[in-house]
Amino acid sequence: MEKKKIIRPVVILLILALAGGGWWYTHREQGNATDTLVLYGNVDIREVDLAFNNSEHIDRILVQEGDRVRKGQLLATMHNERMAAELAAAKARVATQKAVVERLENGTRPEDIRKARADVAAAQARVVDAERTYQRTLRLYKNKAASKQAVDDAEAALHTARADLKVAEEALALAV
């Protein structure tokens, strides 16, 4: 009878130990499952669509099917004639803009400023001449010695000379 009293608690402890071990084993596996994903099998890629910006085509393939690849490894190269031409055009645009910036930083050459001042002086002389011609033609018209067309032409020449003077003055201001 005493043996029965000892066996019963031992059997209960054994059952509890097995239940606890089973619970620990299942929860231990679920805890790892949330941390990592383990997949088994082969990845078989037969066709790949590559998204290139332009319609270039592949020049060389550097790996073969079945090769192991690393993250960041170069797998293929593309023909780059069109991209090289675009790069050369971009470099030319950069050089042009650098020249413009350099010219703006350096300012206008003294020769250009002198030329702009001479252009203003010439335009002023043309305005004076056009004003005199207009006044002379207007007097002749009043004396019926010139036509209305001649007066209109002289007046138009005066307006043109004044506009040319304004253009020359603005060019000088820009140069200075």
Foldseek 3Di string as FASTA:
>chain_A
DVVVVVVVVVVVVVVVVVVVVVVVVVVVVVVVVVVDPDDDDDDDDDDDDDDDPDPWAWDAADDDPPDDDDPPDDGTHTDCPVVVVVVVVVVVVVVVVVVVVVCVVVAADPVQLVVLVVQLVVLVVQLVVLVVQLVVQVVCVVVVNHDPVSNVVSVVSNVVSVVSNVVSVVSNVRRD
